[in-house]
Amino acid sequence: MMAKAVAEIIVLLVRHPSKQSLRFARIILQVKPRFTMVANSNLIDLYRLVQEANKLGLPGDIVECGVWNGGSAAMMGVASAEGQYARPRVMWLFDSFQGLPRPTERDGDLERKSYFADWNIGDPEKVKQIFGKLGLGLENVRIVPGWFEVTLTTVPMQTIAVLHIDADWYDSVKTVLEVLYDKVVPGGFIILDDYGYWKGCTQAWHDFLSEHEIENVSIRRNGRAGAFLQKPTPPMNLPIR
């Protein structure tokens, strides 16, 4: 995995030679492969979207559902703390820290055949380690162990500026959307790390839109795995003349 990460970084630097690309490369080399399996391009999207939320002055927290060892969360933490529009945000990091739940019939045959117990067990101590490694304090970080259907409704979270969903399976992604979508502020960002890769994640998003009759949402793909969207701003109710 390390060799692949390095190869992708070399491609990034060759295609986009800049101080920003060099900055991305340095962070990625610290978070991969021990602390995250998220693709380099998706990590860069996380950084840029957090910075955009800061630039727009959006209120709300940063939330990640599916943390593993904290590398992608730390990437967002760095983004929030850097630049002209840097601002402290509470970060809610949800993960079972027991591995992935078993996929269901709503997921693909490959997912069900490939599943094994203890798949992707994360470690809260490694989450703390990578935050420290990148010079990030933990005073605004809330690590919440447990299954999403239990934990997501038990914390005093009011609004979300950036929601990163790296939950793989249909039921997990759907649960996150059902509980947290309404907390994302208008103009806030939702990132689906497994969109287009795992069948269940992709289907959960489209089912959620259909069931809640949410329209005019444009999702932007990131290669073969991953996508993000900006939550629409409700139309203004203009006075009738």
C-alpha atoms as a PDB file:
ATOM      1  CA  MET A   1       0.000   0.000   0.000  1.00  0.00           C
ATOM      2  CA  MET A   2       2.850   2.379   0.762  1.00  0.00           C
ATOM      3  CA  ALA A   3       4.348   1.863  -2.679  1.00  0.00           C
ATOM      4  CA  LYS A   4       1.004   2.720  -4.289  1.00  0.00           C
ATOM      5  CA  ALA A   5       0.626   5.829  -2.133  1.00  0.00           C
ATOM      6  CA  VAL A   6       4.112   7.029  -3.078  1.00  0.00           C
ATOM      7  CA  ALA A   7       3.465   6.353  -6.767  1.00  0.00           C
ATOM      8  CA  GLU A   8       0.244   8.390  -6.612  1.00  0.00           C
ATOM      9  CA  ILE A   9       2.083  11.239  -4.894  1.00  0.00           C
ATOM     10  CA  ILE A  10       4.729  11.270  -7.625  1.00  0.00           C
ATOM     11  CA  VAL A  11       1.969  11.489 -10.241  1.00  0.00           C
ATOM     12  CA  LEU A  12       0.371  14.356  -8.315  1.00  0.00           C
ATOM     13  CA  LEU A  13       3.623  16.306  -8.133  1.00  0.00           C
ATOM     14  CA  VAL A  14       4.381  15.723 -11.823  1.00  0.00           C
ATOM     15  CA  ARG A  15       0.913  16.723 -13.009  1.00  0.00           C
ATOM     16  CA  HIS A  16       0.406  19.615 -10.581  1.00  0.00           C
ATOM     17  CA  PRO A  17       3.779  20.943  -9.476  1.00  0.00           C
ATOM     18  CA  SER A  18       3.104  23.552  -6.804  1.00  0.00           C
ATOM     19  CA  LYS A  19       3.690  24.354  -3.151  1.00  0.00           C
ATOM     20  CA  GLN A  20       0.147  23.165  -2.443  1.00  0.00           C
ATOM     21  CA  SER A  21       0.799  19.783  -4.058  1.00  0.00           C
ATOM     22  CA  LEU A  22       4.000  19.454  -2.056  1.00  0.00           C
ATOM     23  CA  ARG A  23       2.035  20.243   1.109  1.00  0.00           C
ATOM     24  CA  PHE A  24      -0.522  17.554   0.235  1.00  0.00           C
ATOM     25  CA  ALA A  25       2.276  15.069  -0.414  1.00  0.00           C
ATOM     26  CA  ARG A  26       3.876  15.686   2.974  1.00  0.00           C
ATOM     27  CA  ILE A  27       0.579  15.183   4.836  1.00  0.00           C
ATOM     28  CA  ILE A  28      -0.380  12.090   2.848  1.00  0.00           C
ATOM     29  CA  LEU A  29       2.969  10.440   3.528  1.00  0.00           C
ATOM     30  CA  GLN A  30       2.302  10.838   7.248  1.00  0.00           C
ATOM     31  CA  VAL A  31      -1.247   9.452   7.216  1.00  0.00           C
ATOM     32  CA  LYS A  32      -0.797   6.555   4.773  1.00  0.00           C
ATOM     33  CA  PRO A  33      -0.937   3.632   4.947  1.00  0.00           C
ATOM     34  CA  ARG A  34      -1.012   3.185   8.732  1.00  0.00           C
ATOM     35  CA  PHE A  35      -3.767   5.665   9.537  1.00  0.00           C
ATOM     36  CA  THR A  36      -6.036   5.705   6.470  1.00  0.00           C
ATOM     37  CA  MET A  37      -6.893   3.709   3.356  1.00  0.00           C
ATOM     38  CA  VAL A  38      -8.685   6.637   1.690  1.00  0.00           C
ATOM     39  CA  ALA A  39      -7.380   7.367  -1.813  1.00  0.00           C
ATOM     40  CA  ASN A  40      -5.017  10.304  -2.199  1.00  0.00           C
ATOM     41  CA  SER A  41      -7.419  12.200  -4.452  1.00  0.00           C
ATOM     42  CA  ASN A  42     -10.212  11.773  -1.915  1.00  0.00           C
ATOM     43  CA  LEU A  43      -7.958  12.999   0.903  1.00  0.00           C
ATOM     44  CA  ILE A  44      -7.195  16.105  -1.136  1.00  0.00           C
ATOM     45  CA  ASP A  45     -10.921  16.642  -1.683  1.00  0.00           C
ATOM     46  CA  LEU A  46     -11.482  16.448   2.081  1.00  0.00           C
ATOM     47  CA  TYR A  47      -8.820  19.098   2.657  1.00  0.00           C
ATOM     48  CA  ARG A  48     -10.191  21.405  -0.014  1.00  0.00           C
ATOM     49  CA  LEU A  49     -13.825  21.063   1.055  1.00  0.00           C
ATOM     50  CA  VAL A  50     -13.033  21.859   4.683  1.00  0.00           C
ATOM     51  CA  GLN A  51     -11.083  24.899   3.550  1.00  0.00           C
ATOM     52  CA  GLU A  52     -13.989  25.926   1.320  1.00  0.00           C
ATOM     53  CA  ALA A  53     -16.416  25.595   4.242  1.00  0.00           C
ATOM     54  CA  ASN A  54     -14.127  27.868   6.251  1.00  0.00           C
ATOM     55  CA  LYS A  55     -13.884  30.366   3.407  1.00  0.00           C
ATOM     56  CA  LEU A  56     -17.677  30.456   3.095  1.00  0.00           C
ATOM     57  CA  GLY A  57     -17.961  31.066   6.825  1.00  0.00           C
ATOM     58  CA  LEU A  58     -20.259  28.090   7.300  1.00  0.00           C
ATOM     59  CA  PRO A  59     -21.219  27.324  10.887  1.00  0.00           C
ATOM     60  CA  GLY A  60     -21.123  23.799  12.234  1.00  0.00           C
ATOM     61  CA  ASP A  61     -18.899  20.889  13.133  1.00  0.00           C
ATOM     62  CA  ILE A  62     -16.858  18.418  11.121  1.00  0.00           C
ATOM     63  CA  VAL A  63     -18.228  14.876  11.317  1.00  0.00           C
ATOM     64  CA  GLU A  64     -16.685  11.633  10.126  1.00  0.00           C
ATOM     65  CA  CYS A  65     -18.564   8.342  10.144  1.00  0.00           C
ATOM     66  CA  GLY A  66     -16.074   5.545   9.581  1.00  0.00           C
ATOM     67  CA  VAL A  67     -12.774   6.627  11.109  1.00  0.00           C
ATOM     68  CA  TRP A  68     -10.548   3.528  11.181  1.00  0.00           C
ATOM     69  CA  ASN A  69      -7.207   4.908  12.475  1.00  0.00           C
ATOM     70  CA  GLY A  70      -7.926   8.593  11.968  1.00  0.00           C
ATOM     71  CA  GLY A  71      -5.876   9.581   8.921  1.00  0.00           C
ATOM     72  CA  SER A  72      -8.696  11.160   6.936  1.00  0.00           C
ATOM     73  CA  ALA A  73     -10.028  12.908  10.036  1.00  0.00           C
ATOM     74  CA  ALA A  74      -6.575  14.326  10.712  1.00  0.00           C
ATOM     75  CA  MET A  75      -6.428  15.568   7.109  1.00  0.00           C
ATOM     76  CA  MET A  76      -9.619  17.529   7.751  1.00  0.00           C
ATOM     77  CA  GLY A  77      -8.254  18.763  11.056  1.00  0.00           C
ATOM     78  CA  VAL A  78      -5.167  20.156   9.324  1.00  0.00           C
ATOM     79  CA  ALA A  79      -7.336  21.824   6.679  1.00  0.00           C
ATOM     80  CA  SER A  80      -9.522  23.501   9.289  1.00  0.00           C
ATOM     81  CA  ALA A  81      -6.498  24.874  11.147  1.00  0.00           C
ATOM     82  CA  GLU A  82      -4.604  26.246   8.130  1.00  0.00           C
ATOM     83  CA  GLY A  83      -4.914  29.275   5.923  1.00  0.00           C
ATOM     84  CA  GLN A  84      -6.484  32.695   5.934  1.00  0.00           C
ATOM     85  CA  TYR A  85      -9.903  31.420   7.013  1.00  0.00           C
ATOM     86  CA  ALA A  86      -8.748  28.940   9.664  1.00  0.00           C
ATOM     87  CA  ARG A  87     -11.261  28.366  12.418  1.00  0.00           C
ATOM     88  CA  PRO A  88     -11.606  25.904  15.289  1.00  0.00           C
ATOM     89  CA  ARG A  89     -14.341  23.347  14.774  1.00  0.00           C
ATOM     90  CA  VAL A  90     -15.509  20.497  16.940  1.00  0.00           C
ATOM     91  CA  MET A  91     -14.767  17.180  15.208  1.00  0.00           C
ATOM     92  CA  TRP A  92     -17.067  14.228  15.875  1.00  0.00           C
ATOM     93  CA  LEU A  93     -15.436  10.918  14.929  1.00  0.00           C
ATOM     94  CA  PHE A  94     -17.819   7.946  14.877  1.00  0.00           C
ATOM     95  CA  ASP A  95     -16.639   4.367  14.438  1.00  0.00           C
ATOM     96  CA  SER A  96     -17.536   1.019  15.930  1.00  0.00           C
ATOM     97  CA  PHE A  97     -13.827   0.308  16.458  1.00  0.00           C
ATOM     98  CA  GLN A  98     -14.981  -3.317  16.145  1.00  0.00           C
ATOM     99  CA  GLY A  99     -14.635  -3.577  12.369  1.00  0.00           C
ATOM    100  CA  LEU A 100     -17.293  -3.434   9.680  1.00  0.00           C
ATOM    101  CA  PRO A 101     -20.775  -4.852  10.292  1.00  0.00           C
ATOM    102  CA  ARG A 102     -21.874  -7.737   8.097  1.00  0.00           C
ATOM    103  CA  PRO A 103     -23.190  -6.578   4.685  1.00  0.00           C
ATOM    104  CA  THR A 104     -26.790  -7.416   3.812  1.00  0.00           C
ATOM    105  CA  GLU A 105     -28.703  -8.366   0.682  1.00  0.00           C
ATOM    106  CA  ARG A 106     -28.768  -4.675  -0.250  1.00  0.00           C
ATOM    107  CA  ASP A 107     -25.019  -4.875  -0.762  1.00  0.00           C
ATOM    108  CA  GLY A 108     -23.377  -6.743  -3.623  1.00  0.00           C
ATOM    109  CA  ASP A 109     -22.508 -10.432  -3.874  1.00  0.00           C
ATOM    110  CA  LEU A 110     -18.799  -9.590  -3.802  1.00  0.00           C
ATOM    111  CA  GLU A 111     -19.208  -7.675  -0.557  1.00  0.00           C
ATOM    112  CA  ARG A 112     -21.026 -10.548   1.134  1.00  0.00           C
ATOM    113  CA  LYS A 113     -18.606 -13.198  -0.164  1.00  0.00           C
ATOM    114  CA  SER A 114     -15.541 -11.135   0.774  1.00  0.00           C
ATOM    115  CA  TYR A 115     -16.686 -10.233   4.277  1.00  0.00           C
ATOM    116  CA  PHE A 116     -14.818 -11.547   7.280  1.00  0.00           C
ATOM    117  CA  ALA A 117     -15.025 -10.800  10.984  1.00  0.00           C
ATOM    118  CA  ASP A 118     -12.733  -8.035  12.260  1.00  0.00           C
ATOM    119  CA  TRP A 119     -12.568  -6.343   8.816  1.00  0.00           C
ATOM    120  CA  ASN A 120     -11.087  -2.843   9.239  1.00  0.00           C
ATOM    121  CA  ILE A 121     -10.889  -2.690  13.011  1.00  0.00           C
ATOM    122  CA  GLY A 122      -9.717   0.801  13.938  1.00  0.00           C
ATOM    123  CA  ASP A 123      -7.937   1.957  17.071  1.00  0.00           C
ATOM    124  CA  PRO A 124      -8.840   5.143  19.000  1.00  0.00           C
ATOM    125  CA  GLU A 125      -5.267   5.367  20.268  1.00  0.00           C
ATOM    126  CA  LYS A 126      -3.968   5.531  16.705  1.00  0.00           C
ATOM    127  CA  VAL A 127      -6.499   8.289  16.014  1.00  0.00           C
ATOM    128  CA  LYS A 128      -4.978  10.288  18.851  1.00  0.00           C
ATOM    129  CA  GLN A 129      -1.490   9.411  17.634  1.00  0.00           C
ATOM    130  CA  ILE A 130      -1.934  10.789  14.116  1.00  0.00           C
ATOM    131  CA  PHE A 131      -3.519  13.978  15.425  1.00  0.00           C
ATOM    132  CA  GLY A 132      -0.477  14.477  17.627  1.00  0.00           C
ATOM    133  CA  LYS A 133       1.887  13.582  14.795  1.00  0.00           C
ATOM    134  CA  LEU A 134       0.382  16.383  12.696  1.00  0.00           C
ATOM    135  CA  GLY A 135       0.523  18.883  15.553  1.00  0.00           C
ATOM    136  CA  LEU A 136      -3.223  18.912  16.153  1.00  0.00           C
ATOM    137  CA  GLY A 137      -4.685  19.237  19.624  1.00  0.00           C
ATOM    138  CA  LEU A 138      -7.457  16.967  20.844  1.00  0.00           C
ATOM    139  CA  GLU A 139      -9.426  19.559  22.799  1.00  0.00           C
ATOM    140  CA  ASN A 140     -12.076  19.821  20.062  1.00  0.00           C
ATOM    141  CA  VAL A 141     -12.005  16.152  19.028  1.00  0.00           C
ATOM    142  CA  ARG A 142     -14.790  13.828  20.164  1.00  0.00           C
ATOM    143  CA  ILE A 143     -14.095  10.139  19.488  1.00  0.00           C
ATOM    144  CA  VAL A 144     -17.383   8.203  19.725  1.00  0.00           C
ATOM    145  CA  PRO A 145     -17.037   4.391  19.716  1.00  0.00           C
ATOM    146  CA  GLY A 146     -20.025   2.214  18.898  1.00  0.00           C
ATOM    147  CA  TRP A 147     -22.439   1.307  16.124  1.00  0.00           C
ATOM    148  CA  PHE A 148     -23.988   4.238  14.248  1.00  0.00           C
ATOM    149  CA  GLU A 149     -27.596   3.313  15.013  1.00  0.00           C
ATOM    150  CA  VAL A 150     -26.777   3.735  18.696  1.00  0.00           C
ATOM    151  CA  THR A 151     -24.235   6.538  18.849  1.00  0.00           C
ATOM    152  CA  LEU A 152     -25.350   9.094  16.266  1.00  0.00           C
ATOM    153  CA  THR A 153     -28.370  10.169  18.281  1.00  0.00           C
ATOM    154  CA  THR A 154     -26.631  10.351  21.657  1.00  0.00           C
ATOM    155  CA  VAL A 155     -24.313  13.341  21.227  1.00  0.00           C
ATOM    156  CA  PRO A 156     -25.062  17.085  21.522  1.00  0.00           C
ATOM    157  CA  MET A 157     -24.297  17.888  17.902  1.00  0.00           C
ATOM    158  CA  GLN A 158     -26.387  20.698  16.424  1.00  0.00           C
ATOM    159  CA  THR A 159     -25.059  21.622  12.980  1.00  0.00           C
ATOM    160  CA  ILE A 160     -22.573  20.158  10.528  1.00  0.00           C
ATOM    161  CA  ALA A 161     -20.420  22.023   8.003  1.00  0.00           C
ATOM    162  CA  VAL A 162     -18.655  18.956   6.562  1.00  0.00           C
ATOM    163  CA  LEU A 163     -19.889  15.355   6.779  1.00  0.00           C
ATOM    164  CA  HIS A 164     -17.546  12.590   5.616  1.00  0.00           C
ATOM    165  CA  ILE A 165     -19.236   9.190   5.249  1.00  0.00           C
ATOM    166  CA  ASP A 166     -16.796   6.280   4.890  1.00  0.00           C
ATOM    167  CA  ALA A 167     -19.157   3.523   5.960  1.00  0.00           C
ATOM    168  CA  ASP A 168     -19.054   1.082   3.026  1.00  0.00           C
ATOM    169  CA  TRP A 169     -22.389  -0.748   3.325  1.00  0.00           C
ATOM    170  CA  TYR A 170     -25.972   0.206   2.543  1.00  0.00           C
ATOM    171  CA  ASP A 171     -27.394   0.086   6.056  1.00  0.00           C
ATOM    172  CA  SER A 172     -24.529   2.057   7.580  1.00  0.00           C
ATOM    173  CA  VAL A 173     -24.585   4.810   4.961  1.00  0.00           C
ATOM    174  CA  LYS A 174     -28.379   5.027   5.050  1.00  0.00           C
ATOM    175  CA  THR A 175     -28.379   5.317   8.845  1.00  0.00           C
ATOM    176  CA  VAL A 176     -25.899   8.185   8.715  1.00  0.00           C
ATOM    177  CA  LEU A 177     -27.942  10.034   6.109  1.00  0.00           C
ATOM    178  CA  GLU A 178     -31.235   9.511   7.953  1.00  0.00           C
ATOM    179  CA  VAL A 179     -29.828  10.874  11.207  1.00  0.00           C
ATOM    180  CA  LEU A 180     -27.406  13.538  10.059  1.00  0.00           C
ATOM    181  CA  TYR A 181     -28.467  14.943   6.667  1.00  0.00           C
ATOM    182  CA  ASP A 182     -30.813  17.503   8.209  1.00  0.00           C
ATOM    183  CA  LYS A 183     -28.025  18.716  10.504  1.00  0.00           C
ATOM    184  CA  VAL A 184     -25.809  19.658   7.547  1.00  0.00           C
ATOM    185  CA  VAL A 185     -26.146  23.391   7.026  1.00  0.00           C
ATOM    186  CA  PRO A 186     -27.254  24.755   3.640  1.00  0.00           C
ATOM    187  CA  GLY A 187     -24.102  25.080   1.566  1.00  0.00           C
ATOM    188  CA  GLY A 188     -22.370  22.425   3.676  1.00  0.00           C
ATOM    189  CA  PHE A 189     -20.563  19.476   2.143  1.00  0.00           C
ATOM    190  CA  ILE A 190     -21.302  15.752   2.228  1.00  0.00           C
ATOM    191  CA  ILE A 191     -18.570  13.378   1.061  1.00  0.00           C
ATOM    192  CA  LEU A 192     -19.331   9.734   0.226  1.00  0.00           C
ATOM    193  CA  ASP A 193     -15.995   7.930   0.151  1.00  0.00           C
ATOM    194  CA  ASP A 194     -17.360   4.669  -1.271  1.00  0.00           C
ATOM    195  CA  TYR A 195     -19.805   6.084  -3.847  1.00  0.00           C
ATOM    196  CA  GLY A 196     -19.371   4.249  -7.136  1.00  0.00           C
ATOM    197  CA  TYR A 197     -17.205   1.552  -5.518  1.00  0.00           C
ATOM    198  CA  TRP A 198     -19.418  -0.345  -3.093  1.00  0.00           C
ATOM    199  CA  LYS A 199     -22.891  -1.000  -4.453  1.00  0.00           C
ATOM    200  CA  GLY A 200     -24.627  -0.469  -1.111  1.00  0.00           C
ATOM    201  CA  CYS A 201     -23.180   2.989  -0.534  1.00  0.00           C
ATOM    202  CA  THR A 202     -24.244   4.196  -3.972  1.00  0.00           C
ATOM    203  CA  GLN A 203     -27.750   2.743  -3.659  1.00  0.00           C
ATOM    204  CA  ALA A 204     -28.227   4.118  -0.139  1.00  0.00           C
ATOM    205  CA  TRP A 205     -27.620   7.659  -1.372  1.00  0.00           C
ATOM    206  CA  HIS A 206     -30.085   7.408  -4.242  1.00  0.00           C
ATOM    207  CA  ASP A 207     -32.717   5.694  -2.102  1.00  0.00           C
ATOM    208  CA  PHE A 208     -32.361   8.429   0.514  1.00  0.00           C
ATOM    209  CA  LEU A 209     -32.893  11.152  -2.098  1.00  0.00           C
ATOM    210  CA  SER A 210     -35.915   9.382  -3.548  1.00  0.00           C
ATOM    211  CA  GLU A 211     -37.578   8.579  -0.232  1.00  0.00           C
ATOM    212  CA  HIS A 212     -37.188  12.138   1.045  1.00  0.00           C
ATOM    213  CA  GLU A 213     -38.038  13.737  -2.328  1.00  0.00           C
ATOM    214  CA  ILE A 214     -34.801  15.731  -2.327  1.00  0.00           C
ATOM    215  CA  GLU A 215     -34.168  17.304  -5.714  1.00  0.00           C
ATOM    216  CA  ASN A 216     -31.642  19.606  -7.373  1.00  0.00           C
ATOM    217  CA  VAL A 217     -28.676  17.892  -5.726  1.00  0.00           C
ATOM    218  CA  SER A 218     -25.664  17.566  -7.989  1.00  0.00           C
ATOM    219  CA  ILE A 219     -23.097  14.971  -6.985  1.00  0.00           C
ATOM    220  CA  ARG A 220     -19.527  15.273  -8.215  1.00  0.00           C
ATOM    221  CA  ARG A 221     -17.579  12.087  -8.792  1.00  0.00           C
ATOM    222  CA  ASN A 222     -13.927  11.607  -7.921  1.00  0.00           C
ATOM    223  CA  GLY A 223     -12.652   8.878 -10.213  1.00  0.00           C
ATOM    224  CA  ARG A 224     -14.030   5.361  -9.741  1.00  0.00           C
ATOM    225  CA  ALA A 225     -14.512   5.653  -5.996  1.00  0.00           C
ATOM    226  CA  GLY A 226     -15.804   8.655  -4.116  1.00  0.00           C
ATOM    227  CA  ALA A 227     -18.037  11.657  -4.640  1.00  0.00           C
ATOM    228  CA  PHE A 228     -19.166  14.801  -2.881  1.00  0.00           C
ATOM    229  CA  LEU A 229     -21.998  17.294  -3.007  1.00  0.00           C
ATOM    230  CA  GLN A 230     -22.897  20.669  -1.592  1.00  0.00           C
ATOM    231  CA  LYS A 231     -26.221  20.726   0.218  1.00  0.00           C
ATOM    232  CA  PRO A 232     -28.604  23.043  -1.624  1.00  0.00           C
ATOM    233  CA  THR A 233     -29.662  26.334  -0.132  1.00  0.00           C
ATOM    234  CA  PRO A 234     -33.465  26.515   0.251  1.00  0.00           C
ATOM    235  CA  PRO A 235     -35.121  28.931  -2.190  1.00  0.00           C
ATOM    236  CA  MET A 236     -36.070  32.302  -0.807  1.00  0.00           C
ATOM    237  CA  ASN A 237     -39.770  32.929  -0.303  1.00  0.00           C
ATOM    238  CA  LEU A 238     -40.197  36.192  -2.145  1.00  0.00           C
ATOM    239  CA  PRO A 239     -43.134  38.401  -1.139  1.00  0.00           C
ATOM    240  CA  ILE A 240     -46.157  38.295  -3.422  1.00  0.00           C
ATOM    241  CA  ARG A 241     -46.888  41.656  -5.053  1.00  0.00           C
END
